[in-house]
């Protein structure tokens, strides 16, 4: 029987709680995105390098995890094991990343 760790991330207009997440490589995680905001939100996890290139096409193609939820709803998905390193999570809804919907995701 496989066990996994759970994480809940709240999306609020226009931020995430928590903004900094650390997980352990090789462990299974299930992430729930709970939208407590008034607009639709999502979470997209990409490498810090891809994020810093600020190439929108790259960001949407090279994501490692994605969840989308309407206002007042939540969604859950398992995240596959990511290599050690630093990642960024952000909202892909136009204007939300620029308004501050960005967080740090570290894999130890």
PDB file of N, CA and C in Angstrom:
ATOM      1  N   UNK A   1       0.843  -1.181   0.000  1.00  0.00           N
ATOM      2  CA  UNK A   1       0.000   0.000   0.000  1.00  0.00           C
ATOM      3  C   UNK A   1       0.885   1.238   0.000  1.00  0.00           C
ATOM      4  N   UNK A   2       0.641   2.100  -0.935  1.00  0.00           N
ATOM      5  CA  UNK A   2       1.444   3.313  -1.097  1.00  0.00           C
ATOM      6  C   UNK A   2       0.851   4.450  -0.280  1.00  0.00           C
ATOM      7  N   UNK A   3       1.690   5.163   0.456  1.00  0.00           N
ATOM      8  CA  UNK A   3       1.200   6.320   1.196  1.00  0.00           C
ATOM      9  C   UNK A   3       1.792   7.583   0.592  1.00  0.00           C
ATOM     10  N   UNK A   4       1.076   8.680   0.756  1.00  0.00           N
ATOM     11  CA  UNK A   4       1.561   9.935   0.210  1.00  0.00           C
ATOM     12  C   UNK A   4       1.285  11.050   1.203  1.00  0.00           C
ATOM     13  N   UNK A   5       1.998  12.133   1.018  1.00  0.00           N
ATOM     14  CA  UNK A   5       1.844  13.313   1.860  1.00  0.00           C
ATOM     15  C   UNK A   5       0.886  14.273   1.161  1.00  0.00           C
ATOM     16  N   UNK A   6       0.141  15.023   1.948  1.00  0.00           N
ATOM     17  CA  UNK A   6      -0.806  15.970   1.356  1.00  0.00           C
ATOM     18  C   UNK A   6      -0.363  17.400   1.624  1.00  0.00           C
ATOM     19  N   UNK A   7      -0.609  18.260   0.647  1.00  0.00           N
ATOM     20  CA  UNK A   7      -0.335  19.691   0.760  1.00  0.00           C
ATOM     21  C   UNK A   7      -1.585  20.437   0.320  1.00  0.00           C
ATOM     22  N   UNK A   8      -1.926  21.496   1.029  1.00  0.00           N
ATOM     23  CA  UNK A   8      -3.022  22.348   0.579  1.00  0.00           C
ATOM     24  C   UNK A   8      -2.471  23.739   0.311  1.00  0.00           C
ATOM     25  N   UNK A   9      -2.782  24.244  -0.854  1.00  0.00           N
ATOM     26  CA  UNK A   9      -2.389  25.594  -1.238  1.00  0.00           C
ATOM     27  C   UNK A   9      -3.671  26.374  -1.471  1.00  0.00           C
ATOM     28  N   UNK A  10      -3.782  27.523  -0.813  1.00  0.00           N
ATOM     29  CA  UNK A  10      -4.958  28.371  -0.997  1.00  0.00           C
ATOM     30  C   UNK A  10      -4.634  29.479  -1.985  1.00  0.00           C
ATOM     31  N   UNK A  11      -5.524  29.656  -2.932  1.00  0.00           N
ATOM     32  CA  UNK A  11      -5.419  30.760  -3.893  1.00  0.00           C
ATOM     33  C   UNK A  11      -6.395  31.840  -3.436  1.00  0.00           C
ATOM     34  N   UNK A  12      -5.848  33.022  -3.230  1.00  0.00           N
ATOM     35  CA  UNK A  12      -6.639  34.170  -2.804  1.00  0.00           C
ATOM     36  C   UNK A  12      -6.293  35.294  -3.767  1.00  0.00           C
ATOM     37  N   UNK A  13      -7.255  36.118  -4.112  1.00  0.00           N
ATOM     38  CA  UNK A  13      -6.986  37.184  -5.089  1.00  0.00           C
ATOM     39  C   UNK A  13      -5.963  38.160  -4.522  1.00  0.00           C
ATOM     40  N   UNK A  14      -4.798  38.274  -4.887  1.00  0.00           N
ATOM     41  CA  UNK A  14      -3.962  37.637  -5.870  1.00  0.00           C
ATOM     42  C   UNK A  14      -2.702  37.104  -5.210  1.00  0.00           C
ATOM     43  N   UNK A  15      -2.844  36.076  -4.426  1.00  0.00           N
ATOM     44  CA  UNK A  15      -1.698  35.476  -3.752  1.00  0.00           C
ATOM     45  C   UNK A  15      -1.990  34.013  -3.434  1.00  0.00           C
ATOM     46  N   UNK A  16      -0.947  33.329  -3.000  1.00  0.00           N
ATOM     47  CA  UNK A  16      -1.058  31.947  -2.543  1.00  0.00           C
ATOM     48  C   UNK A  16      -0.673  31.889  -1.073  1.00  0.00           C
ATOM     49  N   UNK A  17      -1.265  30.940  -0.360  1.00  0.00           N
ATOM     50  CA  UNK A  17      -0.853  30.639   1.008  1.00  0.00           C
ATOM     51  C   UNK A  17      -0.725  29.139   1.107  1.00  0.00           C
ATOM     52  N   UNK A  18       0.436  28.606   1.458  1.00  0.00           N
ATOM     53  CA  UNK A  18       1.701  29.309   1.685  1.00  0.00           C
ATOM     54  C   UNK A  18       2.357  29.700   0.356  1.00  0.00           C
ATOM     55  N   UNK A  19       3.292  30.629   0.457  1.00  0.00           N
ATOM     56  CA  UNK A  19       4.041  31.097  -0.726  1.00  0.00           C
ATOM     57  C   UNK A  19       5.351  30.347  -0.915  1.00  0.00           C
ATOM     58  N   UNK A  20       5.803  29.676   0.144  1.00  0.00           N
ATOM     59  CA  UNK A  20       7.049  28.909   0.096  1.00  0.00           C
ATOM     60  C   UNK A  20       6.765  27.486   0.542  1.00  0.00           C
ATOM     61  N   UNK A  21       7.080  26.527  -0.338  1.00  0.00           N
ATOM     62  CA  UNK A  21       6.808  25.117  -0.063  1.00  0.00           C
ATOM     63  C   UNK A  21       8.096  24.329  -0.286  1.00  0.00           C
ATOM     64  N   UNK A  22       8.363  23.402   0.631  1.00  0.00           N
ATOM     65  CA  UNK A  22       9.508  22.511   0.491  1.00  0.00           C
ATOM     66  C   UNK A  22       9.002  21.076   0.610  1.00  0.00           C
ATOM     67  N   UNK A  23       9.409  20.237  -0.335  1.00  0.00           N
ATOM     68  CA  UNK A  23       9.064  18.823  -0.274  1.00  0.00           C
ATOM     69  C   UNK A  23      10.347  18.002  -0.392  1.00  0.00           C
ATOM     70  N   UNK A  24      10.240  16.723  -0.073  1.00  0.00           N
ATOM     71  CA  UNK A  24      11.385  15.808  -0.154  1.00  0.00           C
ATOM     72  C   UNK A  24      11.313  14.990  -1.430  1.00  0.00           C
ATOM     73  N   UNK A  25      12.412  14.934  -2.138  1.00  0.00           N
ATOM     74  CA  UNK A  25      12.500  14.151  -3.376  1.00  0.00           C
ATOM     75  C   UNK A  25      12.234  12.684  -3.070  1.00  0.00           C
ATOM     76  N   UNK A  26      11.566  12.008  -3.979  1.00  0.00           N
ATOM     77  CA  UNK A  26      11.307  10.587  -3.829  1.00  0.00           C
ATOM     78  C   UNK A  26      10.048  10.260  -3.046  1.00  0.00           C
ATOM     79  N   UNK A  27       9.425  11.231  -2.432  1.00  0.00           N
ATOM     80  CA  UNK A  27       8.178  11.019  -1.696  1.00  0.00           C
ATOM     81  C   UNK A  27       7.010  11.358  -2.611  1.00  0.00           C
ATOM     82  N   UNK A  28       5.876  10.698  -2.397  1.00  0.00           N
ATOM     83  CA  UNK A  28       4.684  11.010  -3.179  1.00  0.00           C
ATOM     84  C   UNK A  28       3.868  12.072  -2.454  1.00  0.00           C
ATOM     85  N   UNK A  29       3.394  13.047  -3.213  1.00  0.00           N
ATOM     86  CA  UNK A  29       2.594  14.134  -2.650  1.00  0.00           C
ATOM     87  C   UNK A  29       1.309  14.291  -3.439  1.00  0.00           C
ATOM     88  N   UNK A  30       0.283  14.695  -2.724  1.00  0.00           N
ATOM     89  CA  UNK A  30      -0.983  15.048  -3.338  1.00  0.00           C
ATOM     90  C   UNK A  30      -1.232  16.513  -2.983  1.00  0.00           C
ATOM     91  N   UNK A  31      -1.411  17.334  -3.988  1.00  0.00           N
ATOM     92  CA  UNK A  31      -1.618  18.764  -3.773  1.00  0.00           C
ATOM     93  C   UNK A  31      -3.071  19.114  -4.027  1.00  0.00           C
ATOM     94  N   UNK A  32      -3.659  19.839  -3.084  1.00  0.00           N
ATOM     95  CA  UNK A  32      -5.005  20.371  -3.258  1.00  0.00           C
ATOM     96  C   UNK A  32      -4.893  21.880  -3.412  1.00  0.00           C
ATOM     97  N   UNK A  33      -5.457  22.393  -4.481  1.00  0.00           N
ATOM     98  CA  UNK A  33      -5.531  23.837  -4.693  1.00  0.00           C
ATOM     99  C   UNK A  33      -6.948  24.250  -4.332  1.00  0.00           C
ATOM    100  N   UNK A  34      -7.066  25.057  -3.282  1.00  0.00           N
ATOM    101  CA  UNK A  34      -8.366  25.544  -2.812  1.00  0.00           C
ATOM    102  C   UNK A  34      -8.478  27.015  -3.188  1.00  0.00           C
ATOM    103  N   UNK A  35      -9.480  27.333  -3.988  1.00  0.00           N
ATOM    104  CA  UNK A  35      -9.647  28.711  -4.455  1.00  0.00           C
ATOM    105  C   UNK A  35     -10.601  29.459  -3.531  1.00  0.00           C
ATOM    106  N   UNK A  36     -10.032  30.283  -2.658  1.00  0.00           N
ATOM    107  CA  UNK A  36     -10.819  31.135  -1.766  1.00  0.00           C
ATOM    108  C   UNK A  36     -11.010  32.525  -2.361  1.00  0.00           C
ATOM    109  N   UNK A  37     -10.633  32.683  -3.622  1.00  0.00           N
ATOM    110  CA  UNK A  37     -10.746  33.974  -4.290  1.00  0.00           C
ATOM    111  C   UNK A  37     -12.069  34.130  -5.011  1.00  0.00           C
ATOM    112  N   UNK A  38     -12.223  35.282  -5.667  1.00  0.00           N
ATOM    113  CA  UNK A  38     -13.448  35.594  -6.404  1.00  0.00           C
ATOM    114  C   UNK A  38     -13.297  35.342  -7.898  1.00  0.00           C
ATOM    115  N   UNK A  39     -12.090  35.013  -8.334  1.00  0.00           N
ATOM    116  CA  UNK A  39     -11.821  34.754  -9.756  1.00  0.00           C
ATOM    117  C   UNK A  39     -11.256  33.348  -9.899  1.00  0.00           C
ATOM    118  N   UNK A  40     -11.262  32.823 -11.121  1.00  0.00           N
ATOM    119  CA  UNK A  40     -10.631  31.527 -11.355  1.00  0.00           C
ATOM    120  C   UNK A  40      -9.127  31.669 -11.138  1.00  0.00           C
ATOM    121  N   UNK A  41      -8.500  30.590 -10.686  1.00  0.00           N
ATOM    122  CA  UNK A  41      -7.053  30.565 -10.471  1.00  0.00           C
ATOM    123  C   UNK A  41      -6.532  29.193 -10.837  1.00  0.00           C
ATOM    124  N   UNK A  42      -5.230  29.130 -11.008  1.00  0.00           N
ATOM    125  CA  UNK A  42      -4.586  27.844 -11.199  1.00  0.00           C
ATOM    126  C   UNK A  42      -3.210  27.883 -10.577  1.00  0.00           C
ATOM    127  N   UNK A  43      -2.545  26.762 -10.652  1.00  0.00           N
ATOM    128  CA  UNK A  43      -1.169  26.680 -10.174  1.00  0.00           C
ATOM    129  C   UNK A  43      -0.388  25.898 -11.220  1.00  0.00           C
ATOM    130  N   UNK A  44       0.737  26.455 -11.590  1.00  0.00           N
ATOM    131  CA  UNK A  44       1.612  25.864 -12.586  1.00  0.00           C
ATOM    132  C   UNK A  44       3.009  25.836 -11.968  1.00  0.00           C
ATOM    133  N   UNK A  45       3.657  24.683 -11.956  1.00  0.00           N
ATOM    134  CA  UNK A  45       5.004  24.580 -11.376  1.00  0.00           C
ATOM    135  C   UNK A  45       6.008  24.379 -12.501  1.00  0.00           C
ATOM    136  N   UNK A  46       7.000  25.261 -12.550  1.00  0.00           N
ATOM    137  CA  UNK A  46       8.056  25.192 -13.561  1.00  0.00           C
ATOM    138  C   UNK A  46       9.407  25.380 -12.876  1.00  0.00           C
ATOM    139  N   UNK A  47      10.463  25.029 -13.597  1.00  0.00           N
ATOM    140  CA  UNK A  47      11.799  25.245 -13.045  1.00  0.00           C
ATOM    141  C   UNK A  47      12.056  26.747 -12.910  1.00  0.00           C
ATOM    142  N   UNK A  48      12.895  27.103 -11.962  1.00  0.00           N
ATOM    143  CA  UNK A  48      13.250  28.510 -11.772  1.00  0.00           C
ATOM    144  C   UNK A  48      13.873  29.073 -13.042  1.00  0.00           C
ATOM    145  N   UNK A  49      14.669  28.244 -13.722  1.00  0.00           N
ATOM    146  CA  UNK A  49      15.320  28.685 -14.958  1.00  0.00           C
ATOM    147  C   UNK A  49      14.283  29.053 -16.025  1.00  0.00           C
ATOM    148  N   UNK A  50      13.294  28.186 -16.248  1.00  0.00           N
ATOM    149  CA  UNK A  50      12.252  28.491 -17.234  1.00  0.00           C
ATOM    150  C   UNK A  50      11.480  29.755 -16.849  1.00  0.00           C
ATOM    151  N   UNK A  51      11.192  29.895 -15.554  1.00  0.00           N
ATOM    152  CA  UNK A  51      10.448  31.068 -15.092  1.00  0.00           C
ATOM    153  C   UNK A  51      11.243  32.348 -15.328  1.00  0.00           C
ATOM    154  N   UNK A  52      12.528  32.315 -15.004  1.00  0.00           N
ATOM    155  CA  UNK A  52      13.357  33.509 -15.142  1.00  0.00           C
ATOM    156  C   UNK A  52      13.582  33.917 -16.589  1.00  0.00           C
ATOM    157  N   UNK A  53      13.453  32.961 -17.522  1.00  0.00           N
ATOM    158  CA  UNK A  53      13.553  33.311 -18.942  1.00  0.00           C
ATOM    159  C   UNK A  53      12.358  34.139 -19.384  1.00  0.00           C
ATOM    160  N   UNK A  54      11.257  34.046 -18.595  1.00  0.00           N
ATOM    161  CA  UNK A  54      10.040  34.822 -18.832  1.00  0.00           C
ATOM    162  C   UNK A  54       9.485  34.622 -20.243  1.00  0.00           C
ATOM    163  N   UNK A  55       9.675  33.443 -20.787  1.00  0.00           N
ATOM    164  CA  UNK A  55       9.143  33.098 -22.094  1.00  0.00           C
ATOM    165  C   UNK A  55       7.819  32.366 -21.873  1.00  0.00           C
ATOM    166  N   UNK A  56       6.695  33.043 -22.088  1.00  0.00           N
ATOM    167  CA  UNK A  56       5.382  32.491 -21.787  1.00  0.00           C
ATOM    168  C   UNK A  56       5.142  31.162 -22.494  1.00  0.00           C
ATOM    169  N   UNK A  57       5.559  31.041 -23.756  1.00  0.00           N
ATOM    170  CA  UNK A  57       5.375  29.780 -24.471  1.00  0.00           C
ATOM    171  C   UNK A  57       6.126  28.646 -23.778  1.00  0.00           C
ATOM    172  N   UNK A  58       7.345  28.913 -23.347  1.00  0.00           N
ATOM    173  CA  UNK A  58       8.146  27.917 -22.628  1.00  0.00           C
ATOM    174  C   UNK A  58       7.478  27.523 -21.318  1.00  0.00           C
ATOM    175  N   UNK A  59       6.965  28.516 -20.596  1.00  0.00           N
ATOM    176  CA  UNK A  59       6.363  28.251 -19.296  1.00  0.00           C
ATOM    177  C   UNK A  59       5.178  27.309 -19.427  1.00  0.00           C
ATOM    178  N   UNK A  60       4.358  27.507 -20.426  1.00  0.00           N
ATOM    179  CA  UNK A  60       3.174  26.673 -20.577  1.00  0.00           C
ATOM    180  C   UNK A  60       3.505  25.300 -21.142  1.00  0.00           C
ATOM    181  N   UNK A  61       4.615  25.159 -21.844  1.00  0.00           N
ATOM    182  CA  UNK A  61       5.002  23.864 -22.409  1.00  0.00           C
ATOM    183  C   UNK A  61       5.807  23.029 -21.428  1.00  0.00           C
ATOM    184  N   UNK A  62       6.620  23.674 -20.584  1.00  0.00           N
ATOM    185  CA  UNK A  62       7.561  22.956 -19.729  1.00  0.00           C
ATOM    186  C   UNK A  62       7.112  22.832 -18.280  1.00  0.00           C
ATOM    187  N   UNK A  63       5.819  22.889 -18.029  1.00  0.00           N
ATOM    188  CA  UNK A  63       5.380  22.801 -16.644  1.00  0.00           C
ATOM    189  C   UNK A  63       5.537  21.380 -16.108  1.00  0.00           C
ATOM    190  N   UNK A  64       5.692  21.289 -14.797  1.00  0.00           N
ATOM    191  CA  UNK A  64       5.850  20.009 -14.119  1.00  0.00           C
ATOM    192  C   UNK A  64       4.568  19.574 -13.417  1.00  0.00           C
ATOM    193  N   UNK A  65       3.646  20.513 -13.224  1.00  0.00           N
ATOM    194  CA  UNK A  65       2.410  20.241 -12.502  1.00  0.00           C
ATOM    195  C   UNK A  65       1.444  21.372 -12.812  1.00  0.00           C
ATOM    196  N   UNK A  66       0.160  21.043 -12.960  1.00  0.00           N
ATOM    197  CA  UNK A  66      -0.837  22.076 -13.239  1.00  0.00           C
ATOM    198  C   UNK A  66      -2.185  21.660 -12.656  1.00  0.00           C
ATOM    199  N   UNK A  67      -2.833  22.596 -11.961  1.00  0.00           N
ATOM    200  CA  UNK A  67      -4.201  22.429 -11.457  1.00  0.00           C
ATOM    201  C   UNK A  67      -4.953  23.718 -11.718  1.00  0.00           C
ATOM    202  N   UNK A  68      -6.226  23.618 -12.066  1.00  0.00           N
ATOM    203  CA  UNK A  68      -7.053  24.790 -12.359  1.00  0.00           C
ATOM    204  C   UNK A  68      -8.356  24.666 -11.577  1.00  0.00           C
ATOM    205  N   UNK A  69      -8.788  25.790 -10.950  1.00  0.00           N
ATOM    206  CA  UNK A  69     -10.046  25.767 -10.191  1.00  0.00           C
ATOM    207  C   UNK A  69     -10.818  27.072 -10.372  1.00  0.00           C
ATOM    208  N   UNK A  70     -12.123  26.934 -10.375  1.00  0.00           N
ATOM    209  CA  UNK A  70     -13.003  28.095 -10.417  1.00  0.00           C
ATOM    210  C   UNK A  70     -13.129  28.662  -9.000  1.00  0.00           C
ATOM    211  N   UNK A  71     -13.628  29.872  -8.878  1.00  0.00           N
ATOM    212  CA  UNK A  71     -13.815  30.526  -7.576  1.00  0.00           C
ATOM    213  C   UNK A  71     -14.666  29.638  -6.666  1.00  0.00           C
ATOM    214  N   UNK A  72     -14.233  29.497  -5.414  1.00  0.00           N
ATOM    215  CA  UNK A  72     -14.970  28.731  -4.425  1.00  0.00           C
ATOM    216  C   UNK A  72     -14.836  27.226  -4.535  1.00  0.00           C
ATOM    217  N   UNK A  73     -14.014  26.741  -5.455  1.00  0.00           N
ATOM    218  CA  UNK A  73     -13.864  25.300  -5.635  1.00  0.00           C
ATOM    219  C   UNK A  73     -12.444  24.865  -5.290  1.00  0.00           C
ATOM    220  N   UNK A  74     -12.225  23.561  -5.307  1.00  0.00           N
ATOM    221  CA  UNK A  74     -10.877  23.034  -5.097  1.00  0.00           C
ATOM    222  C   UNK A  74     -10.673  21.824  -6.012  1.00  0.00           C
ATOM    223  N   UNK A  75      -9.412  21.506  -6.246  1.00  0.00           N
ATOM    224  CA  UNK A  75      -9.038  20.364  -7.078  1.00  0.00           C
ATOM    225  C   UNK A  75      -7.792  19.741  -6.472  1.00  0.00           C
ATOM    226  N   UNK A  76      -7.646  18.445  -6.674  1.00  0.00           N
ATOM    227  CA  UNK A  76      -6.526  17.710  -6.098  1.00  0.00           C
ATOM    228  C   UNK A  76      -5.875  16.834  -7.162  1.00  0.00           C
ATOM    229  N   UNK A  77      -4.556  16.749  -7.127  1.00  0.00           N
ATOM    230  CA  UNK A  77      -3.815  15.873  -8.031  1.00  0.00           C
ATOM    231  C   UNK A  77      -2.500  15.483  -7.376  1.00  0.00           C
ATOM    232  N   UNK A  78      -1.984  14.330  -7.789  1.00  0.00           N
ATOM    233  CA  UNK A  78      -0.678  13.885  -7.293  1.00  0.00           C
ATOM    234  C   UNK A  78       0.405  14.510  -8.147  1.00  0.00           C
ATOM    235  N   UNK A  79       1.511  14.808  -7.494  1.00  0.00           N
ATOM    236  CA  UNK A  79       2.657  15.361  -8.212  1.00  0.00           C
ATOM    237  C   UNK A  79       3.717  14.276  -8.303  1.00  0.00           C
ATOM    238  N   UNK A  80       4.249  14.105  -9.503  1.00  0.00           N
ATOM    239  CA  UNK A  80       5.294  13.105  -9.683  1.00  0.00           C
ATOM    240  C   UNK A  80       6.591  13.610  -9.073  1.00  0.00           C
ATOM    241  N   UNK A  81       7.474  12.708  -8.812  1.00  0.00           N
ATOM    242  CA  UNK A  81       8.745  13.064  -8.189  1.00  0.00           C
ATOM    243  C   UNK A  81       9.545  14.000  -9.097  1.00  0.00           C
ATOM    244  N   UNK A  82       9.907  15.131  -8.554  1.00  0.00           N
ATOM    245  CA  UNK A  82      10.717  16.112  -9.285  1.00  0.00           C
ATOM    246  C   UNK A  82      12.168  15.992  -8.838  1.00  0.00           C
ATOM    247  N   UNK A  83      13.107  16.314  -9.712  1.00  0.00           N
ATOM    248  CA  UNK A  83      14.513  16.330  -9.307  1.00  0.00           C
ATOM    249  C   UNK A  83      14.755  17.401  -8.236  1.00  0.00           C
ATOM    250  N   UNK A  84      15.797  17.198  -7.451  1.00  0.00           N
ATOM    251  CA  UNK A  84      16.172  18.227  -6.469  1.00  0.00           C
ATOM    252  C   UNK A  84      16.352  19.552  -7.181  1.00  0.00           C
ATOM    253  N   UNK A  85      15.962  20.625  -6.506  1.00  0.00           N
ATOM    254  CA  UNK A  85      16.161  21.935  -7.089  1.00  0.00           C
ATOM    255  C   UNK A  85      15.087  22.919  -6.687  1.00  0.00           C
ATOM    256  N   UNK A  86      15.165  24.080  -7.303  1.00  0.00           N
ATOM    257  CA  UNK A  86      14.231  25.165  -7.022  1.00  0.00           C
ATOM    258  C   UNK A  86      13.267  25.337  -8.182  1.00  0.00           C
ATOM    259  N   UNK A  87      12.019  25.527  -7.838  1.00  0.00           N
ATOM    260  CA  UNK A  87      10.948  25.697  -8.808  1.00  0.00           C
ATOM    261  C   UNK A  87      10.125  26.925  -8.415  1.00  0.00           C
ATOM    262  N   UNK A  88       9.325  27.362  -9.339  1.00  0.00           N
ATOM    263  CA  UNK A  88       8.416  28.478  -9.099  1.00  0.00           C
ATOM    264  C   UNK A  88       7.011  27.976  -9.393  1.00  0.00           C
ATOM    265  N   UNK A  89       6.041  28.368  -8.551  1.00  0.00           N
ATOM    266  CA  UNK A  89       4.658  28.111  -8.921  1.00  0.00           C
ATOM    267  C   UNK A  89       3.966  29.452  -9.088  1.00  0.00           C
ATOM    268  N   UNK A  90       3.041  29.508 -10.040  1.00  0.00           N
ATOM    269  CA  UNK A  90       2.392  30.776 -10.369  1.00  0.00           C
ATOM    270  C   UNK A  90       1.050  30.503 -11.037  1.00  0.00           C
ATOM    271  N   UNK A  91       0.235  31.546 -11.121  1.00  0.00           N
ATOM    272  CA  UNK A  91      -1.074  31.465 -11.762  1.00  0.00           C
ATOM    273  C   UNK A  91      -0.931  31.874 -13.226  1.00  0.00           C
ATOM    274  N   UNK A  92      -1.475  31.039 -14.133  1.00  0.00           N
ATOM    275  CA  UNK A  92      -1.362  31.324 -15.559  1.00  0.00           C
ATOM    276  C   UNK A  92      -2.501  32.180 -16.100  1.00  0.00           C
ATOM    277  N   UNK A  93      -3.498  32.496 -15.267  1.00  0.00           N
ATOM    278  CA  UNK A  93      -4.586  33.359 -15.727  1.00  0.00           C
ATOM    279  C   UNK A  93      -3.969  34.725 -16.053  1.00  0.00           C
ATOM    280  N   UNK A  94      -4.253  35.277 -17.231  1.00  0.00           N
ATOM    281  CA  UNK A  94      -3.623  36.536 -17.637  1.00  0.00           C
ATOM    282  C   UNK A  94      -3.715  37.634 -16.570  1.00  0.00           C
ATOM    283  N   UNK A  95      -2.530  38.198 -16.263  1.00  0.00           N
ATOM    284  CA  UNK A  95      -2.427  39.289 -15.293  1.00  0.00           C
ATOM    285  C   UNK A  95      -2.226  38.851 -13.856  1.00  0.00           C
ATOM    286  N   UNK A  96      -2.507  37.594 -13.527  1.00  0.00           N
ATOM    287  CA  UNK A  96      -2.417  37.154 -12.133  1.00  0.00           C
ATOM    288  C   UNK A  96      -0.968  37.009 -11.665  1.00  0.00           C
ATOM    289  N   UNK A  97      -0.113  36.433 -12.510  1.00  0.00           N
ATOM    290  CA  UNK A  97       1.316  36.312 -12.149  1.00  0.00           C
ATOM    291  C   UNK A  97       1.895  37.697 -11.909  1.00  0.00           C
ATOM    292  N   UNK A  98       1.556  38.622 -12.797  1.00  0.00           N
ATOM    293  CA  UNK A  98       2.067  39.992 -12.697  1.00  0.00           C
ATOM    294  C   UNK A  98       1.532  40.702 -11.446  1.00  0.00           C
ATOM    295  N   UNK A  99       0.360  40.275 -10.970  1.00  0.00           N
ATOM    296  CA  UNK A  99      -0.235  40.878  -9.770  1.00  0.00           C
ATOM    297  C   UNK A  99       0.311  40.260  -8.484  1.00  0.00           C
ATOM    298  N   UNK A 100       1.197  39.258  -8.616  1.00  0.00           N
ATOM    299  CA  UNK A 100       1.834  38.694  -7.433  1.00  0.00           C
ATOM    300  C   UNK A 100       1.499  37.256  -7.110  1.00  0.00           C
ATOM    301  N   UNK A 101       0.775  36.576  -7.973  1.00  0.00           N
ATOM    302  CA  UNK A 101       0.448  35.164  -7.694  1.00  0.00           C
ATOM    303  C   UNK A 101       1.623  34.285  -8.098  1.00  0.00           C
ATOM    304  N   UNK A 102       2.660  34.312  -7.247  1.00  0.00           N
ATOM    305  CA  UNK A 102       3.892  33.572  -7.484  1.00  0.00           C
ATOM    306  C   UNK A 102       4.384  33.041  -6.147  1.00  0.00           C
ATOM    307  N   UNK A 103       4.951  31.834  -6.162  1.00  0.00           N
ATOM    308  CA  UNK A 103       5.522  31.266  -4.954  1.00  0.00           C
ATOM    309  C   UNK A 103       6.742  30.435  -5.277  1.00  0.00           C
ATOM    310  N   UNK A 104       7.442  30.011  -4.237  1.00  0.00           N
ATOM    311  CA  UNK A 104       8.663  29.210  -4.386  1.00  0.00           C
ATOM    312  C   UNK A 104       8.385  27.765  -3.965  1.00  0.00           C
ATOM    313  N   UNK A 105       8.912  26.833  -4.740  1.00  0.00           N
ATOM    314  CA  UNK A 105       8.699  25.413  -4.519  1.00  0.00           C
ATOM    315  C   UNK A 105      10.070  24.750  -4.567  1.00  0.00           C
ATOM    316  N   UNK A 106      10.508  24.199  -3.463  1.00  0.00           N
ATOM    317  CA  UNK A 106      11.853  23.613  -3.380  1.00  0.00           C
ATOM    318  C   UNK A 106      11.749  22.108  -3.144  1.00  0.00           C
ATOM    319  N   UNK A 107      12.576  21.355  -3.866  1.00  0.00           N
ATOM    320  CA  UNK A 107      12.643  19.914  -3.683  1.00  0.00           C
ATOM    321  C   UNK A 107      14.020  19.585  -3.092  1.00  0.00           C
ATOM    322  N   UNK A 108      14.018  18.987  -1.910  1.00  0.00           N
ATOM    323  CA  UNK A 108      15.279  18.628  -1.231  1.00  0.00           C
ATOM    324  C   UNK A 108      15.695  17.218  -1.555  1.00  0.00           C
TER     325      UNK A 108
END
